[in-house]
Protein backbone atom coordinates (compact mmCIF):
# COMPACT_ATOMS: atom_id res chain seq x y z
CA MET A 1 37.38 223.56 107.72
CA ALA A 2 38.17 224.09 111.41
CA GLU A 3 41.38 225.82 112.37
CA ASN A 4 44.12 223.60 113.82
CA LYS A 5 44.94 224.48 117.39
CA GLU A 6 48.43 224.00 118.82
CA TYR A 7 48.86 223.38 122.53
CA LYS A 8 52.03 223.34 124.63
CA LEU A 9 51.30 220.89 127.44
CA ARG A 10 53.55 220.72 130.51
CA THR A 11 51.23 219.58 133.31
CA ILE A 12 48.21 217.38 133.91
CA GLN A 13 46.22 220.59 134.42
CA ASP A 14 47.25 221.70 130.91
CA ILE A 15 45.87 218.44 129.50
CA GLU A 16 42.65 218.79 131.51
CA ASN A 17 42.18 222.27 130.05
CA VAL A 18 42.59 221.02 126.46
CA VAL A 19 40.74 217.73 126.14
CA THR A 20 37.06 217.71 125.28
CA PRO A 21 34.58 214.98 124.36
CA GLU A 22 35.19 215.95 120.73
CA ASN A 23 39.00 215.67 120.74
CA ILE A 24 39.78 213.10 123.44
CA GLU A 25 40.18 210.14 121.08
CA CYS A 26 42.64 211.97 118.83
CA PHE A 27 44.56 213.26 121.85
CA LYS A 28 44.84 209.78 123.39
CA LYS A 29 46.14 208.24 120.17
CA ASP A 30 48.68 211.02 119.56
CA PHE A 31 49.91 211.05 123.16
CA CYS A 32 50.19 207.25 123.31
CA SER A 33 52.20 207.25 120.07
CA TRP A 34 54.57 209.79 121.60
CA LEU A 35 54.90 207.70 124.78
CA ASP A 36 55.61 204.54 122.78
CA ILE A 37 58.44 206.25 120.91
CA LEU A 38 59.83 207.80 124.10
CA VAL A 39 59.96 204.43 125.87
CA ALA A 40 61.54 202.74 122.85
CA ALA A 41 64.17 205.49 122.63
CA ARG A 42 65.04 205.10 126.31
CA LYS A 43 65.84 201.41 125.71
CA GLY A 44 68.76 202.60 123.65
CA PHE A 45 69.97 202.45 120.10
CA MET A 46 71.78 199.33 118.92
CA GLY A 47 72.53 198.46 122.55
CA LEU A 48 73.96 201.90 123.32
CA PRO A 49 72.35 204.07 125.99
CA VAL A 50 70.89 207.37 124.87
CA ILE A 51 70.01 210.54 126.73
CA ILE A 52 66.62 211.98 125.87
CA LYS A 53 66.75 215.76 125.58
CA SER A 54 63.43 217.13 126.77
CA ASP A 55 62.14 220.52 127.71
CA GLY A 56 59.27 218.86 129.58
CA GLU A 57 56.71 219.91 127.02
CA PHE A 58 54.37 217.93 124.76
CA THR A 59 53.21 219.99 121.79
CA TRP A 60 49.88 218.72 120.52
CA ILE A 61 48.17 219.97 117.37
CA ASP A 62 44.42 219.41 117.51
CA ASP A 63 43.71 218.85 113.82
CA GLY A 64 41.30 215.93 114.08
CA LYS A 65 43.86 213.55 112.56
CA ASN A 66 46.20 210.87 113.87
CA ASP A 67 49.16 211.47 111.59
CA ALA A 68 51.38 213.17 114.13
CA THR A 69 54.99 214.05 113.49
CA ILE A 70 56.91 213.08 116.60
CA ASN A 71 60.34 214.53 117.35
CA ILE A 72 62.55 213.31 120.16
CA ARG A 73 66.08 214.65 120.61
CA VAL A 74 68.67 212.14 121.77
CA GLU A 75 72.41 212.22 122.39
């Protein structure tokens, strides 16, 4: 079994350095899931505005699966 690789992505260049023909589909699905949750969180919670706490980093684990755990901090 291949070793899972964890990447801390902050820039487009970081993404370019990580994606390959072998992992692009998994990356796209994981990243799109994260974006969907981020956008939904920004709409607010029960009509109340929220502040998304972000360090500007997307941590992606290249494990060949699409069962990501997504954490977003809000206030």
